[in-house]
Amino acid sequence: MPTRMWDQIDVRLSLPLRLRTRLWREWCFVRTVVRRAWVRLMLMGVILVGGGLLFQRYEPENHHSLLRATYYTWCLVFGEAPEEFPTSRVLQSLFFLVPILGLTVIIEAIIDLATVLRNRRLCERSWCVIMASSLSDHIVLVGFGRLGYRTFHLLRRLGRQVVVIERDADNQFLEDVRRDGSPLLIGDARREALLEDANIRKARSIILATNDDLANLEIALDARRLAPAIRVVVRLFDQNMADKIRDGFNIHIAMSQSGLSAPAFATAAIEPSIINSMVVGNQLVVIQRWSVREGGPFCDKTVGDLLVEFGCSVIERRSQNQAGCLFPDPATRLLPGDEILVQGVYDQLLRLRRQG
């Protein structure tokens, strides 16, 4: 199907689903922030509990519980003396050191949190890894050139979750992924760790759309080894290699750019009414615009008749002064003046067109 037709597809997500998706992304961001602050939280815990244990150790006569001794240390963090200045040298040192250490940790945590909230890009990698890790039955898209860009937008319009892997951090299309909120991983997908970050083991399929045939093949084999049941779609420029890989490596789909483009170029040159074409087996299958004329082969026949008699299916019927109808009922009768989109083998449609 031509690009302009793909661009007209509009499969919108429902409002509750969009809201759940947004909440899920924000929850993943909260997890990212907590993970980023985990070291400082642990350090603060060590300071508080360690100080509490020192209070218990060097003031046994006061019979401090650990909770109360930890609270004393918390007071010291903010420069508030919880009791008279102790006689123990260790606790005296604690009165001077804890405010410095504790406030340093707290201030650094506040500054880091404010920086991350102001610029989420700083934790983009870890945020995207967390989002990808919570997905299942998603699609991993490797390579975000023009083919990857259009594939991504089509998958999102179809409501599919996509994890994008792109090697070039300056790629012009990456902002579209960020605005969409889908996980984006920058790096070379030939590194297995990057496929693991994309949660390849739970993915439905992987699409390899880079411009490097050997890189696509290497990533395909790595993906198959990590997730034997995954569906692999590979872009290859060499049609002979694509055929051999599909048969020899059990890759579900191996597409060459020339193999996909050649039918479209050829049919566009010979027949402007053909809007799409593909090769199925050894036969050329096309989708063609057709005007039903009086006395023509389709006139006064039903949609079901076309399938039975000619092996052609009607994708759309547009009658005079009426909106188009996709996949009309088999009992629908075609009348003169109707405009239809018919799909069938090119040779068969050519013979029928010559009949009028």
Protein backbone atom coordinates (compact mmCIF):
# COMPACT_ATOMS: atom_id res chain seq x y z
CA MET A 1 0.00 0.00 0.00
CA PRO A 2 1.44 3.42 -0.88
CA THR A 3 2.74 5.66 1.88
CA ARG A 4 -0.08 8.17 1.48
CA MET A 5 -2.62 5.42 2.26
CA TRP A 6 -0.76 4.30 5.36
CA ASP A 7 -0.75 7.92 6.52
CA GLN A 8 -4.56 7.95 6.36
CA ILE A 9 -4.94 5.04 8.78
CA ASP A 10 -6.24 6.31 12.10
CA VAL A 11 -6.59 3.68 14.80
CA ARG A 12 -6.99 5.73 17.97
CA LEU A 13 -6.52 4.36 21.44
CA SER A 14 -9.42 4.83 23.81
CA LEU A 15 -9.15 7.52 26.46
CA PRO A 16 -8.96 5.04 29.39
CA LEU A 17 -6.18 3.15 27.61
CA ARG A 18 -4.23 6.36 26.95
CA LEU A 19 -4.68 7.34 30.59
CA ARG A 20 -3.45 3.94 31.80
CA THR A 21 -0.47 4.20 29.48
CA ARG A 22 0.41 7.65 30.83
CA LEU A 23 0.07 6.48 34.43
CA TRP A 24 2.22 3.44 33.65
CA ARG A 25 4.96 5.67 32.19
CA GLU A 26 4.88 7.95 35.26
CA TRP A 27 5.04 4.94 37.57
CA CYS A 28 8.10 3.70 35.67
CA PHE A 29 9.65 7.16 36.08
CA VAL A 30 9.04 7.06 39.84
CA ARG A 31 10.76 3.65 39.96
CA THR A 32 13.66 5.12 38.01
CA VAL A 33 14.04 8.04 40.43
CA VAL A 34 13.91 5.71 43.44
CA ARG A 35 16.51 3.42 41.88
CA ARG A 36 18.71 6.43 41.11
CA ALA A 37 18.44 7.62 44.73
CA TRP A 38 18.86 4.14 46.20
CA VAL A 39 22.56 4.53 47.06
CA ARG A 40 21.93 7.79 48.93
CA LEU A 41 18.97 6.27 50.76
CA MET A 42 21.12 3.33 51.83
CA LEU A 43 23.90 5.69 52.94
CA MET A 44 21.46 7.72 55.02
CA GLY A 45 20.16 4.50 56.56
CA VAL A 46 23.71 3.46 57.47
CA ILE A 47 24.33 6.85 59.13
CA LEU A 48 21.11 6.72 61.16
CA VAL A 49 21.32 3.09 62.24
CA GLY A 50 25.07 3.27 62.80
CA GLY A 51 24.65 6.36 64.97
CA GLY A 52 21.88 4.64 66.91
CA LEU A 53 24.10 1.63 67.61
CA LEU A 54 26.87 3.95 68.86
CA PHE A 55 24.43 5.63 71.24
CA GLN A 56 23.47 2.20 72.58
CA ARG A 57 27.10 1.11 72.87
CA TYR A 58 28.52 4.16 74.65
CA GLU A 59 25.52 5.12 76.82
CA PRO A 60 24.44 1.75 78.24
CA GLU A 61 23.26 3.40 81.43
CA ASN A 62 20.48 5.22 79.52
CA HIS A 63 19.06 1.93 78.15
CA HIS A 64 18.32 3.41 74.68
CA SER A 65 16.12 1.39 72.36
CA LEU A 66 17.39 1.21 68.77
CA LEU A 67 14.43 3.31 67.59
CA ARG A 68 15.11 6.04 70.14
CA ALA A 69 18.86 5.99 69.49
CA THR A 70 18.22 6.26 65.74
CA TYR A 71 15.93 9.23 66.38
CA TYR A 72 18.77 10.89 68.32
CA THR A 73 20.99 10.51 65.26
CA TRP A 74 18.24 11.94 63.04
CA CYS A 75 18.10 15.01 65.30
CA LEU A 76 21.86 15.41 64.99
CA VAL A 77 21.59 15.46 61.19
CA PHE A 78 19.74 18.79 61.47
CA GLY A 79 22.01 20.16 64.20
CA GLU A 80 19.60 19.58 67.09
CA ALA A 81 21.23 18.08 70.19
CA PRO A 82 18.91 15.37 71.56
CA GLU A 83 20.62 15.41 74.98
CA GLU A 84 23.40 17.07 76.94
CA PHE A 85 26.84 16.98 75.37
CA PRO A 86 28.10 13.42 76.05
CA THR A 87 31.27 12.53 77.91
CA SER A 88 32.24 9.74 75.47
CA ARG A 89 34.79 10.86 72.87
CA VAL A 90 33.09 8.70 70.25
CA LEU A 91 29.70 10.31 70.80
CA GLN A 92 31.32 13.75 70.94
CA SER A 93 32.74 13.09 67.47
CA LEU A 94 29.31 11.92 66.38
CA PHE A 95 27.79 15.28 67.38
CA PHE A 96 30.17 17.03 64.95
CA LEU A 97 30.30 14.54 62.06
CA VAL A 98 26.68 13.47 61.68
CA PRO A 99 25.36 16.96 60.71
CA ILE A 100 28.05 17.26 58.04
CA LEU A 101 27.56 13.78 56.59
CA GLY A 102 23.79 13.72 56.88
CA LEU A 103 23.15 17.15 55.38
CA THR A 104 25.60 16.44 52.55
CA VAL A 105 23.67 13.30 51.58
CA ILE A 106 20.27 15.03 51.87
CA ILE A 107 21.32 18.11 49.90
CA GLU A 108 22.87 16.01 47.13
CA ALA A 109 19.70 13.93 46.92
CA ILE A 110 17.51 17.04 46.69
CA ILE A 111 19.70 18.60 43.98
CA ASP A 112 19.77 15.37 41.98
CA LEU A 113 15.99 14.94 42.28
CA ALA A 114 15.36 18.53 41.17
CA THR A 115 17.71 18.10 38.21
CA VAL A 116 16.03 14.89 37.08
CA LEU A 117 12.53 16.35 37.43
CA ARG A 118 13.58 19.37 35.37
CA ASN A 119 15.31 17.31 32.68
CA ARG A 120 14.04 13.74 32.44
CA ARG A 121 16.49 13.06 29.61
CA LEU A 122 19.21 12.58 32.24
CA CYS A 123 17.70 9.26 33.29
CA GLU A 124 16.23 8.32 29.92
CA ARG A 125 18.22 5.10 29.55
CA SER A 126 17.31 3.61 32.93
CA TRP A 127 13.73 4.87 32.57
CA CYS A 128 13.34 3.17 29.18
CA VAL A 129 14.89 -0.06 30.48
CA ILE A 130 12.35 -0.15 33.31
CA MET A 131 9.49 0.52 30.86
CA ALA A 132 10.71 -2.23 28.52
CA SER A 133 11.12 -4.68 31.39
CA SER A 134 7.44 -4.29 32.30
CA LEU A 135 6.22 -5.00 28.75
CA SER A 136 5.22 -8.32 27.22
CA ASP A 137 4.06 -9.28 23.73
CA HIS A 138 5.65 -6.06 22.46
CA ILE A 139 7.66 -5.43 19.28
CA VAL A 140 11.36 -4.59 19.23
CA LEU A 141 12.25 -2.30 16.31
CA VAL A 142 15.97 -2.08 15.47
CA GLY A 143 16.99 0.74 13.15
CA PHE A 144 15.14 4.04 12.94
CA GLY A 145 15.78 5.32 9.47
CA ARG A 146 12.92 6.20 7.14
CA LEU A 147 11.71 2.60 7.02
CA GLY A 148 11.89 2.22 10.79
CA TYR A 149 10.21 5.60 11.28
CA ARG A 150 7.20 4.69 9.14
CA THR A 151 7.01 1.20 10.62
CA PHE A 152 7.00 2.65 14.14
CA HIS A 153 4.15 5.07 13.44
CA LEU A 154 2.06 2.37 11.79
CA LEU A 155 2.55 -0.02 14.71
CA ARG A 156 1.61 2.69 17.20
CA ARG A 157 -1.52 3.55 15.21
CA LEU A 158 -2.40 -0.11 15.43
CA GLY A 159 -2.08 0.09 19.22
CA ARG A 160 1.12 -1.98 19.54
CA GLN A 161 3.77 -1.37 22.19
CA VAL A 162 7.17 -0.79 20.55
CA VAL A 163 10.71 -0.66 21.95
CA VAL A 164 13.05 1.21 19.59
CA ILE A 165 16.79 0.53 19.37
CA GLU A 166 18.86 3.02 17.35
CA ARG A 167 22.64 3.33 17.12
CA ASP A 168 22.79 7.02 16.10
CA ALA A 169 22.00 9.31 19.02
CA ASP A 170 21.63 12.24 16.56
CA ASN A 171 18.99 10.51 14.42
CA GLN A 172 16.47 13.10 13.25
CA PHE A 173 13.44 10.91 14.01
CA LEU A 174 14.18 10.09 17.66
CA GLU A 175 12.16 13.02 19.01
CA ASP A 176 9.03 11.35 17.61
CA VAL A 177 9.69 8.31 19.81
CA ARG A 178 10.26 10.51 22.86
CA ARG A 179 7.06 12.49 22.25
CA ASP A 180 5.15 9.24 21.87
CA GLY A 181 6.57 7.96 25.17
CA SER A 182 7.76 4.61 23.83
CA PRO A 183 10.97 3.11 25.25
CA LEU A 184 14.06 4.23 23.31
CA LEU A 185 17.48 2.60 23.69
CA ILE A 186 20.54 4.18 22.08
CA GLY A 187 23.28 1.75 21.13
CA ASP A 188 24.38 -1.09 18.87
CA ALA A 189 21.84 -3.92 18.94
CA ARG A 190 24.61 -6.40 18.14
CA ARG A 191 25.40 -6.19 21.86
CA GLU A 192 23.29 -8.84 23.54
CA ALA A 193 22.92 -6.66 26.63
CA LEU A 194 20.92 -4.16 24.59
CA LEU A 195 18.52 -6.87 23.43
CA GLU A 196 18.17 -7.97 27.04
CA ASP A 197 17.38 -4.36 28.02
CA ALA A 198 14.64 -4.38 25.38
CA ASN A 199 13.14 -7.45 27.11
CA ILE A 200 13.59 -9.57 24.01
CA ARG A 201 12.58 -12.76 25.82
CA LYS A 202 9.00 -11.52 26.27
CA ALA A 203 8.71 -9.75 22.92
CA ARG A 204 6.21 -10.84 20.28
CA SER A 205 8.55 -10.08 17.38
CA ILE A 206 11.65 -8.17 16.33
CA ILE A 207 11.93 -6.02 13.21
CA LEU A 208 15.43 -5.44 11.86
CA ALA A 209 15.38 -2.35 9.65
CA THR A 210 18.99 -1.12 9.62
CA ASN A 211 20.89 -0.49 6.40
CA ASP A 212 23.49 -3.16 7.20
CA ASP A 213 22.58 -6.66 5.95
CA LEU A 214 25.25 -8.42 8.03
CA ALA A 215 24.27 -6.52 11.18
CA ASN A 216 20.61 -7.43 10.61
CA LEU A 217 21.53 -11.09 10.19
CA GLU A 218 23.72 -11.11 13.31
CA ILE A 219 21.01 -9.48 15.42
CA ALA A 220 18.40 -11.91 14.02
CA LEU A 221 20.49 -14.91 15.08
CA ASP A 222 21.13 -13.40 18.53
CA ALA A 223 17.42 -12.70 18.99
CA ARG A 224 16.50 -16.24 17.95
CA ARG A 225 19.04 -17.68 20.42
CA LEU A 226 17.77 -15.51 23.29
CA ALA A 227 14.09 -16.04 22.43
CA PRO A 228 13.65 -19.14 20.22
CA ALA A 229 9.92 -18.53 19.67
CA ILE A 230 10.22 -14.89 18.62
CA ARG A 231 9.01 -13.81 15.18
CA VAL A 232 11.84 -12.24 13.17
CA VAL A 233 11.31 -9.75 10.33
CA VAL A 234 14.51 -8.80 8.52
CA ARG A 235 15.24 -6.09 5.98
CA LEU A 236 17.84 -7.20 3.43
CA PHE A 237 18.95 -5.52 0.22
CA ASP A 238 20.16 -8.73 -1.41
CA GLN A 239 17.14 -10.76 -2.57
CA ASN A 240 19.20 -13.96 -3.01
CA MET A 241 20.47 -13.66 0.54
CA ALA A 242 16.94 -12.97 1.79
CA ASP A 243 15.65 -16.16 0.18
CA LYS A 244 18.49 -18.27 1.58
CA ILE A 245 18.16 -16.84 5.08
CA ARG A 246 14.42 -17.41 5.13
CA ASP A 247 14.84 -21.06 4.16
CA GLY A 248 18.14 -21.89 5.84
CA PHE A 249 17.79 -20.09 9.18
CA ASN A 250 14.02 -20.43 9.63
CA ILE A 251 13.56 -16.66 9.75
CA HIS A 252 9.85 -15.99 9.51
CA ILE A 253 10.12 -13.10 7.03
CA ALA A 254 13.22 -11.87 5.19
CA MET A 255 12.43 -8.86 3.01
CA SER A 256 14.73 -7.20 0.52
CA GLN A 257 14.09 -3.59 -0.41
CA SER A 258 14.36 -4.40 -4.09
CA GLY A 259 12.03 -7.37 -3.74
CA LEU A 260 9.39 -5.19 -2.10
CA SER A 261 9.82 -2.22 -4.41
CA ALA A 262 10.13 -3.96 -7.78
CA PRO A 263 6.46 -5.02 -8.11
CA ALA A 264 5.27 -1.55 -7.11
CA PHE A 265 7.58 0.16 -9.60
CA ALA A 266 6.70 -2.22 -12.42
CA THR A 267 2.92 -2.08 -11.98
CA ALA A 268 2.92 1.70 -11.48
CA ALA A 269 4.70 2.06 -14.81
CA ILE A 270 2.23 -0.05 -16.79
CA GLU A 271 -1.09 0.62 -15.07
CA PRO A 272 -1.89 3.79 -13.03
CA SER A 273 -5.08 2.25 -11.60
CA ILE A 274 -3.00 -0.28 -9.59
CA ILE A 275 -2.40 1.13 -6.11
CA ASN A 276 -0.49 -1.77 -4.58
CA SER A 277 1.13 -5.04 -5.60
CA MET A 278 2.98 -7.98 -4.10
CA VAL A 279 4.46 -11.28 -5.18
CA VAL A 280 2.80 -14.34 -3.59
CA GLY A 281 4.64 -17.50 -4.55
CA ASN A 282 5.32 -16.94 -8.25
CA GLN A 283 2.24 -14.83 -8.94
CA LEU A 284 1.80 -11.06 -8.98
CA VAL A 285 -1.17 -10.01 -6.84
CA VAL A 286 -2.45 -6.45 -7.22
CA ILE A 287 -5.04 -4.11 -5.73
CA GLN A 288 -6.63 -2.14 -8.53
CA ARG A 289 -9.24 0.58 -8.88
CA TRP A 290 -12.06 -0.52 -11.15
CA SER A 291 -15.08 1.28 -12.59
CA VAL A 292 -18.04 -1.02 -13.15
CA ARG A 293 -19.40 -0.44 -16.66
CA GLU A 294 -22.56 -1.60 -18.39
CA GLY A 295 -21.83 -4.91 -20.09
CA GLY A 296 -18.51 -5.34 -18.29
CA PRO A 297 -17.44 -8.60 -16.60
CA PHE A 298 -18.36 -7.31 -13.12
CA CYS A 299 -21.65 -5.62 -13.99
CA ASP A 300 -24.75 -7.01 -12.22
CA LYS A 301 -22.70 -9.59 -10.32
CA THR A 302 -22.49 -9.88 -6.56
CA VAL A 303 -19.30 -9.54 -4.55
CA GLY A 304 -19.47 -13.28 -3.86
CA ASP A 305 -19.81 -14.00 -7.58
CA LEU A 306 -16.49 -12.27 -8.26
CA LEU A 307 -14.74 -14.50 -5.78
CA VAL A 308 -16.32 -17.70 -7.09
CA GLU A 309 -16.09 -16.98 -10.82
CA PHE A 310 -12.90 -14.93 -11.13
CA GLY A 311 -10.99 -15.49 -7.88
CA CYS A 312 -11.11 -11.75 -7.11
CA SER A 313 -12.13 -10.08 -3.86
CA VAL A 314 -13.67 -6.64 -3.45
CA ILE A 315 -11.95 -4.56 -0.77
CA GLU A 316 -14.06 -1.42 -1.13
CA ARG A 317 -17.22 -0.45 -2.99
CA ARG A 318 -18.19 3.16 -3.60
CA SER A 319 -21.54 3.70 -5.29
CA GLN A 320 -22.73 6.96 -6.81
CA ASN A 321 -23.29 9.74 -4.26
CA GLN A 322 -22.55 7.41 -1.34
CA ALA A 323 -19.61 6.93 0.96
CA GLY A 324 -17.27 4.01 0.39
CA CYS A 325 -17.92 0.69 2.12
CA LEU A 326 -14.97 -1.50 3.10
CA PHE A 327 -15.38 -5.25 2.56
CA PRO A 328 -18.98 -5.16 1.32
CA ASP A 329 -21.33 -8.06 2.01
CA PRO A 330 -20.94 -10.98 -0.45
CA ALA A 331 -24.56 -10.49 -1.48
CA THR A 332 -23.94 -6.87 -2.56
CA ARG A 333 -24.67 -6.45 -6.26
CA LEU A 334 -22.36 -4.31 -8.38
CA LEU A 335 -24.11 -1.77 -10.59
CA PRO A 336 -22.91 0.44 -13.45
CA GLY A 337 -21.10 3.49 -12.09
CA ASP A 338 -19.81 1.75 -8.97
CA GLU A 339 -16.14 2.31 -8.10
CA ILE A 340 -14.46 -0.67 -6.46
CA LEU A 341 -11.06 -1.72 -5.17
CA VAL A 342 -10.53 -5.27 -6.36
CA GLN A 343 -7.71 -7.61 -5.38
CA GLY A 344 -6.60 -10.50 -7.52
CA VAL A 345 -3.91 -12.05 -9.68
CA TYR A 346 -2.66 -9.50 -12.19
CA ASP A 347 -2.98 -11.76 -15.24
CA GLN A 348 -6.60 -12.54 -14.40
CA LEU A 349 -7.52 -8.88 -13.86
CA LEU A 350 -5.77 -7.97 -17.11
CA ARG A 351 -7.87 -10.46 -19.05
CA LEU A 352 -11.05 -9.18 -17.42
CA ARG A 353 -10.15 -5.55 -18.19
CA ARG A 354 -9.67 -6.40 -21.84
CA GLN A 355 -13.24 -7.74 -21.84
CA GLY A 356 -14.45 -4.28 -20.94
